[in-house]
Amino acid sequence: MTDALQTAFYIMLFSRIIAASAQRKLSVYLKKGGLVAYPTESCYGLGCLPTLAKALGKLAHLKKGRNTRV
């Protein structure tokens, strides 16, 4: 398993209100270069903090071979 997949963090949100403790955990995770998957209207999106090269590298690794922008 790749490093990017090992560090993937999945959060299922069943309401639009996120508990403060979950917000803090997510914030810390993203600041460490983590990736998140989130639902959109038609599929899941992948996200990270765009200011962290480490996180962008993980995202690019997951998307390699596709003609899409990171």
PDB file of N, CA and C in Angstrom:
ATOM      1  N   MET A   1       0.849  -1.178   0.000  1.00  0.00           N
ATOM      2  CA  MET A   1       0.000   0.000   0.000  1.00  0.00           C
ATOM      3  C   MET A   1       0.892   1.238   0.000  1.00  0.00           C
ATOM      4  N   THR A   2       0.525   2.248  -0.781  1.00  0.00           N
ATOM      5  CA  THR A   2       1.334   3.455  -0.880  1.00  0.00           C
ATOM      6  C   THR A   2       1.168   4.322   0.361  1.00  0.00           C
ATOM      7  N   ASP A   3       2.139   5.210   0.545  1.00  0.00           N
ATOM      8  CA  ASP A   3       2.097   6.124   1.688  1.00  0.00           C
ATOM      9  C   ASP A   3       0.828   6.969   1.659  1.00  0.00           C
ATOM     10  N   ALA A   4       0.451   7.421   0.466  1.00  0.00           N
ATOM     11  CA  ALA A   4      -0.745   8.260   0.351  1.00  0.00           C
ATOM     12  C   ALA A   4      -1.993   7.509   0.798  1.00  0.00           C
ATOM     13  N   LEU A   5      -2.080   6.241   0.427  1.00  0.00           N
ATOM     14  CA  LEU A   5      -3.253   5.470   0.826  1.00  0.00           C
ATOM     15  C   LEU A   5      -3.224   5.113   2.300  1.00  0.00           C
ATOM     16  N   GLN A   6      -2.029   4.893   2.841  1.00  0.00           N
ATOM     17  CA  GLN A   6      -1.923   4.563   4.259  1.00  0.00           C
ATOM     18  C   GLN A   6      -2.354   5.729   5.127  1.00  0.00           C
ATOM     19  N   THR A   7      -2.141   6.942   4.640  1.00  0.00           N
ATOM     20  CA  THR A   7      -2.478   8.110   5.448  1.00  0.00           C
ATOM     21  C   THR A   7      -3.842   8.691   5.099  1.00  0.00           C
ATOM     22  N   ALA A   8      -4.559   8.046   4.209  1.00  0.00           N
ATOM     23  CA  ALA A   8      -5.891   8.542   3.868  1.00  0.00           C
ATOM     24  C   ALA A   8      -6.784   8.466   5.101  1.00  0.00           C
ATOM     25  N   PHE A   9      -7.592   9.459   5.279  1.00  0.00           N
ATOM     26  CA  PHE A   9      -8.434   9.577   6.465  1.00  0.00           C
ATOM     27  C   PHE A   9      -9.863   9.782   5.988  1.00  0.00           C
ATOM     28  N   TYR A  10     -10.726   8.889   6.356  1.00  0.00           N
ATOM     29  CA  TYR A  10     -12.102   8.964   5.880  1.00  0.00           C
ATOM     30  C   TYR A  10     -13.029   9.414   7.002  1.00  0.00           C
ATOM     31  N   ILE A  11     -13.829  10.395   6.709  1.00  0.00           N
ATOM     32  CA  ILE A  11     -14.803  10.900   7.670  1.00  0.00           C
ATOM     33  C   ILE A  11     -16.173  10.853   7.002  1.00  0.00           C
ATOM     34  N   MET A  12     -17.070  10.138   7.590  1.00  0.00           N
ATOM     35  CA  MET A  12     -18.431  10.102   7.074  1.00  0.00           C
ATOM     36  C   MET A  12     -19.245  11.145   7.844  1.00  0.00           C
ATOM     37  N   LEU A  13     -19.826  12.058   7.130  1.00  0.00           N
ATOM     38  CA  LEU A  13     -20.618  13.113   7.749  1.00  0.00           C
ATOM     39  C   LEU A  13     -22.094  12.830   7.482  1.00  0.00           C
ATOM     40  N   PHE A  14     -22.848  12.636   8.544  1.00  0.00           N
ATOM     41  CA  PHE A  14     -24.257  12.313   8.401  1.00  0.00           C
ATOM     42  C   PHE A  14     -25.158  13.524   8.624  1.00  0.00           C
ATOM     43  N   SER A  15     -24.561  14.650   8.933  1.00  0.00           N
ATOM     44  CA  SER A  15     -25.332  15.886   9.040  1.00  0.00           C
ATOM     45  C   SER A  15     -24.429  17.027   8.606  1.00  0.00           C
ATOM     46  N   ARG A  16     -25.007  18.184   8.457  1.00  0.00           N
ATOM     47  CA  ARG A  16     -24.211  19.343   8.040  1.00  0.00           C
ATOM     48  C   ARG A  16     -23.476  19.983   9.213  1.00  0.00           C
ATOM     49  N   ILE A  17     -23.794  19.572  10.406  1.00  0.00           N
ATOM     50  CA  ILE A  17     -23.145  20.126  11.592  1.00  0.00           C
ATOM     51  C   ILE A  17     -22.040  19.180  12.026  1.00  0.00           C
ATOM     52  N   ILE A  18     -20.822  19.704  12.093  1.00  0.00           N
ATOM     53  CA  ILE A  18     -19.674  18.904  12.510  1.00  0.00           C
ATOM     54  C   ILE A  18     -19.313  19.320  13.929  1.00  0.00           C
ATOM     55  N   ALA A  19     -19.169  18.355  14.804  1.00  0.00           N
ATOM     56  CA  ALA A  19     -18.814  18.647  16.194  1.00  0.00           C
ATOM     57  C   ALA A  19     -17.470  19.365  16.249  1.00  0.00           C
ATOM     58  N   ALA A  20     -17.309  20.229  17.230  1.00  0.00           N
ATOM     59  CA  ALA A  20     -16.072  20.990  17.389  1.00  0.00           C
ATOM     60  C   ALA A  20     -14.870  20.068  17.532  1.00  0.00           C
ATOM     61  N   SER A  21     -15.023  18.953  18.237  1.00  0.00           N
ATOM     62  CA  SER A  21     -13.903  18.030  18.409  1.00  0.00           C
ATOM     63  C   SER A  21     -13.502  17.414  17.069  1.00  0.00           C
ATOM     64  N   ALA A  22     -14.473  17.122  16.213  1.00  0.00           N
ATOM     65  CA  ALA A  22     -14.168  16.577  14.887  1.00  0.00           C
ATOM     66  C   ALA A  22     -13.490  17.628  14.021  1.00  0.00           C
ATOM     67  N   GLN A  23     -13.906  18.885  14.154  1.00  0.00           N
ATOM     68  CA  GLN A  23     -13.267  19.970  13.408  1.00  0.00           C
ATOM     69  C   GLN A  23     -11.807  20.109  13.807  1.00  0.00           C
ATOM     70  N   ARG A  24     -11.523  20.011  15.096  1.00  0.00           N
ATOM     71  CA  ARG A  24     -10.137  20.124  15.569  1.00  0.00           C
ATOM     72  C   ARG A  24      -9.294  18.973  15.045  1.00  0.00           C
ATOM     73  N   LYS A  25      -9.828  17.752  15.107  1.00  0.00           N
ATOM     74  CA  LYS A  25      -9.090  16.585  14.616  1.00  0.00           C
ATOM     75  C   LYS A  25      -8.811  16.707  13.122  1.00  0.00           C
ATOM     76  N   LEU A  26      -9.801  17.152  12.379  1.00  0.00           N
ATOM     77  CA  LEU A  26      -9.631  17.315  10.941  1.00  0.00           C
ATOM     78  C   LEU A  26      -8.603  18.399  10.637  1.00  0.00           C
ATOM     79  N   SER A  27      -8.642  19.492  11.369  1.00  0.00           N
ATOM     80  CA  SER A  27      -7.685  20.573  11.178  1.00  0.00           C
ATOM     81  C   SER A  27      -6.253  20.102  11.408  1.00  0.00           C
ATOM     82  N   VAL A  28      -6.036  19.382  12.494  1.00  0.00           N
ATOM     83  CA  VAL A  28      -4.699  18.852  12.805  1.00  0.00           C
ATOM     84  C   VAL A  28      -4.256  17.890  11.716  1.00  0.00           C
ATOM     85  N   TYR A  29      -5.157  17.013  11.302  1.00  0.00           N
ATOM     86  CA  TYR A  29      -4.839  16.020  10.278  1.00  0.00           C
ATOM     87  C   TYR A  29      -4.439  16.695   8.963  1.00  0.00           C
ATOM     88  N   LEU A  30      -5.207  17.692   8.539  1.00  0.00           N
ATOM     89  CA  LEU A  30      -4.899  18.389   7.295  1.00  0.00           C
ATOM     90  C   LEU A  30      -3.583  19.152   7.386  1.00  0.00           C
ATOM     91  N   LYS A  31      -3.308  19.750   8.532  1.00  0.00           N
ATOM     92  CA  LYS A  31      -2.058  20.498   8.708  1.00  0.00           C
ATOM     93  C   LYS A  31      -0.835  19.598   8.678  1.00  0.00           C
ATOM     94  N   LYS A  32      -1.032  18.299   8.906  1.00  0.00           N
ATOM     95  CA  LYS A  32       0.065  17.328   8.822  1.00  0.00           C
ATOM     96  C   LYS A  32       0.215  16.774   7.405  1.00  0.00           C
ATOM     97  N   GLY A  33      -0.565  17.280   6.467  1.00  0.00           N
ATOM     98  CA  GLY A  33      -0.464  16.825   5.083  1.00  0.00           C
ATOM     99  C   GLY A  33      -1.447  15.744   4.710  1.00  0.00           C
ATOM    100  N   GLY A  34      -2.496  15.573   5.502  1.00  0.00           N
ATOM    101  CA  GLY A  34      -3.478  14.528   5.234  1.00  0.00           C
ATOM    102  C   GLY A  34      -4.418  14.866   4.091  1.00  0.00           C
ATOM    103  N   LEU A  35      -5.026  13.830   3.550  1.00  0.00           N
ATOM    104  CA  LEU A  35      -6.025  13.957   2.495  1.00  0.00           C
ATOM    105  C   LEU A  35      -7.390  13.583   3.055  1.00  0.00           C
ATOM    106  N   VAL A  36      -8.423  14.179   2.500  1.00  0.00           N
ATOM    107  CA  VAL A  36      -9.782  13.822   2.898  1.00  0.00           C
ATOM    108  C   VAL A  36     -10.611  13.521   1.656  1.00  0.00           C
ATOM    109  N   ALA A  37     -11.564  12.630   1.812  1.00  0.00           N
ATOM    110  CA  ALA A  37     -12.547  12.341   0.769  1.00  0.00           C
ATOM    111  C   ALA A  37     -13.868  12.929   1.241  1.00  0.00           C
ATOM    112  N   TYR A  38     -14.555  13.627   0.340  1.00  0.00           N
ATOM    113  CA  TYR A  38     -15.813  14.256   0.724  1.00  0.00           C
ATOM    114  C   TYR A  38     -16.843  14.078  -0.388  1.00  0.00           C
ATOM    115  N   PRO A  39     -18.092  13.934  -0.025  1.00  0.00           N
ATOM    116  CA  PRO A  39     -19.127  13.724  -1.039  1.00  0.00           C
ATOM    117  C   PRO A  39     -19.484  15.013  -1.768  1.00  0.00           C
ATOM    118  N   THR A  40     -19.746  14.882  -3.069  1.00  0.00           N
ATOM    119  CA  THR A  40     -20.293  15.974  -3.867  1.00  0.00           C
ATOM    120  C   THR A  40     -21.616  15.464  -4.439  1.00  0.00           C
ATOM    121  N   GLU A  41     -22.226  16.212  -5.327  1.00  0.00           N
ATOM    122  CA  GLU A  41     -23.521  15.787  -5.873  1.00  0.00           C
ATOM    123  C   GLU A  41     -23.417  14.526  -6.718  1.00  0.00           C
ATOM    124  N   SER A  42     -22.295  14.338  -7.407  1.00  0.00           N
ATOM    125  CA  SER A  42     -22.216  13.207  -8.333  1.00  0.00           C
ATOM    126  C   SER A  42     -21.161  12.165  -7.984  1.00  0.00           C
ATOM    127  N   CYS A  43     -20.172  12.523  -7.191  1.00  0.00           N
ATOM    128  CA  CYS A  43     -19.112  11.568  -6.839  1.00  0.00           C
ATOM    129  C   CYS A  43     -18.388  12.089  -5.596  1.00  0.00           C
ATOM    130  N   TYR A  44     -17.335  11.406  -5.199  1.00  0.00           N
ATOM    131  CA  TYR A  44     -16.537  11.872  -4.070  1.00  0.00           C
ATOM    132  C   TYR A  44     -15.377  12.709  -4.578  1.00  0.00           C
ATOM    133  N   GLY A  45     -15.036  13.749  -3.831  1.00  0.00           N
ATOM    134  CA  GLY A  45     -13.887  14.575  -4.145  1.00  0.00           C
ATOM    135  C   GLY A  45     -12.767  14.271  -3.175  1.00  0.00           C
ATOM    136  N   LEU A  46     -11.551  14.598  -3.571  1.00  0.00           N
ATOM    137  CA  LEU A  46     -10.392  14.468  -2.696  1.00  0.00           C
ATOM    138  C   LEU A  46      -9.872  15.862  -2.418  1.00  0.00           C
ATOM    139  N   GLY A  47      -9.489  16.112  -1.177  1.00  0.00           N
ATOM    140  CA  GLY A  47      -9.012  17.429  -0.824  1.00  0.00           C
ATOM    141  C   GLY A  47      -7.843  17.397   0.128  1.00  0.00           C
ATOM    142  N   CYS A  48      -7.157  18.534   0.190  1.00  0.00           N
ATOM    143  CA  CYS A  48      -6.022  18.713   1.087  1.00  0.00           C
ATOM    144  C   CYS A  48      -5.800  20.213   1.246  1.00  0.00           C
ATOM    145  N   LEU A  49      -4.822  20.581   2.061  1.00  0.00           N
ATOM    146  CA  LEU A  49      -4.454  21.987   2.156  1.00  0.00           C
ATOM    147  C   LEU A  49      -3.555  22.310   0.961  1.00  0.00           C
ATOM    148  N   PRO A  50      -3.950  23.250   0.118  1.00  0.00           N
ATOM    149  CA  PRO A  50      -3.176  23.539  -1.086  1.00  0.00           C
ATOM    150  C   PRO A  50      -1.848  24.234  -0.822  1.00  0.00           C
ATOM    151  N   THR A  51      -1.609  24.642   0.405  1.00  0.00           N
ATOM    152  CA  THR A  51      -0.352  25.315   0.733  1.00  0.00           C
ATOM    153  C   THR A  51       0.742  24.345   1.159  1.00  0.00           C
ATOM    154  N   LEU A  52       0.426  23.057   1.255  1.00  0.00           N
ATOM    155  CA  LEU A  52       1.405  22.060   1.687  1.00  0.00           C
ATOM    156  C   LEU A  52       1.840  21.194   0.508  1.00  0.00           C
ATOM    157  N   ALA A  53       3.117  21.297   0.144  1.00  0.00           N
ATOM    158  CA  ALA A  53       3.646  20.516  -0.977  1.00  0.00           C
ATOM    159  C   ALA A  53       3.492  19.018  -0.728  1.00  0.00           C
ATOM    160  N   LYS A  54       3.677  18.587   0.520  1.00  0.00           N
ATOM    161  CA  LYS A  54       3.546  17.168   0.870  1.00  0.00           C
ATOM    162  C   LYS A  54       2.140  16.662   0.531  1.00  0.00           C
ATOM    163  N   ALA A  55       1.140  17.421   0.895  1.00  0.00           N
ATOM    164  CA  ALA A  55      -0.245  17.025   0.642  1.00  0.00           C
ATOM    165  C   ALA A  55      -0.553  17.029  -0.852  1.00  0.00           C
ATOM    166  N   LEU A  56      -0.074  18.036  -1.563  1.00  0.00           N
ATOM    167  CA  LEU A  56      -0.302  18.096  -3.004  1.00  0.00           C
ATOM    168  C   LEU A  56       0.380  16.939  -3.717  1.00  0.00           C
ATOM    169  N   GLY A  57       1.551  16.533  -3.210  1.00  0.00           N
ATOM    170  CA  GLY A  57       2.251  15.382  -3.778  1.00  0.00           C
ATOM    171  C   GLY A  57       1.449  14.101  -3.613  1.00  0.00           C
ATOM    172  N   LYS A  58       0.849  13.927  -2.446  1.00  0.00           N
ATOM    173  CA  LYS A  58       0.010  12.743  -2.209  1.00  0.00           C
ATOM    174  C   LYS A  58      -1.191  12.738  -3.148  1.00  0.00           C
ATOM    175  N   LEU A  59      -1.803  13.904  -3.294  1.00  0.00           N
ATOM    176  CA  LEU A  59      -2.965  14.017  -4.166  1.00  0.00           C
ATOM    177  C   LEU A  59      -2.580  13.727  -5.617  1.00  0.00           C
ATOM    178  N   ALA A  60      -1.461  14.271  -6.062  1.00  0.00           N
ATOM    179  CA  ALA A  60      -0.988  14.021  -7.424  1.00  0.00           C
ATOM    180  C   ALA A  60      -0.683  12.542  -7.626  1.00  0.00           C
ATOM    181  N   HIS A  61      -0.114  11.894  -6.614  1.00  0.00           N
ATOM    182  CA  HIS A  61       0.196  10.466  -6.703  1.00  0.00           C
ATOM    183  C   HIS A  61      -1.076   9.643  -6.895  1.00  0.00           C
ATOM    184  N   LEU A  62      -2.123   9.980  -6.163  1.00  0.00           N
ATOM    185  CA  LEU A  62      -3.386   9.256  -6.298  1.00  0.00           C
ATOM    186  C   LEU A  62      -4.032   9.483  -7.659  1.00  0.00           C
ATOM    187  N   LYS A  63      -3.806  10.675  -8.227  1.00  0.00           N
ATOM    188  CA  LYS A  63      -4.438  11.016  -9.493  1.00  0.00           C
ATOM    189  C   LYS A  63      -3.538  10.741 -10.697  1.00  0.00           C
ATOM    190  N   LYS A  64      -2.359  10.169 -10.484  1.00  0.00           N
ATOM    191  CA  LYS A  64      -1.412   9.994 -11.597  1.00  0.00           C
ATOM    192  C   LYS A  64      -2.041   9.174 -12.719  1.00  0.00           C
ATOM    193  N   GLY A  65      -1.635   9.503 -13.930  1.00  0.00           N
ATOM    194  CA  GLY A  65      -2.155   8.796 -15.085  1.00  0.00           C
ATOM    195  C   GLY A  65      -3.451   9.365 -15.630  1.00  0.00           C
ATOM    196  N   ARG A  66      -3.979  10.367 -14.977  1.00  0.00           N
ATOM    197  CA  ARG A  66      -5.210  11.004 -15.452  1.00  0.00           C
ATOM    198  C   ARG A  66      -4.878  12.383 -15.993  1.00  0.00           C
ATOM    199  N   ASN A  67      -5.606  12.818 -16.954  1.00  0.00           N
ATOM    200  CA  ASN A  67      -5.415  14.153 -17.510  1.00  0.00           C
ATOM    201  C   ASN A  67      -6.296  15.151 -16.777  1.00  0.00           C
ATOM    202  N   THR A  68      -6.038  15.308 -15.490  1.00  0.00           N
ATOM    203  CA  THR A  68      -6.805  16.255 -14.685  1.00  0.00           C
ATOM    204  C   THR A  68      -5.847  17.172 -13.961  1.00  0.00           C
ATOM    205  N   ARG A  69      -6.332  18.317 -13.593  1.00  0.00           N
ATOM    206  CA  ARG A  69      -5.513  19.246 -12.824  1.00  0.00           C
ATOM    207  C   ARG A  69      -5.532  18.842 -11.369  1.00  0.00           C
ATOM    208  N   VAL A  70      -4.456  19.153 -10.663  1.00  0.00           N
ATOM    209  CA  VAL A  70      -4.371  18.880  -9.227  1.00  0.00           C
ATOM    210  C   VAL A  70      -4.672  20.150  -8.492  1.00  0.00           C
TER     211      VAL A  70
END
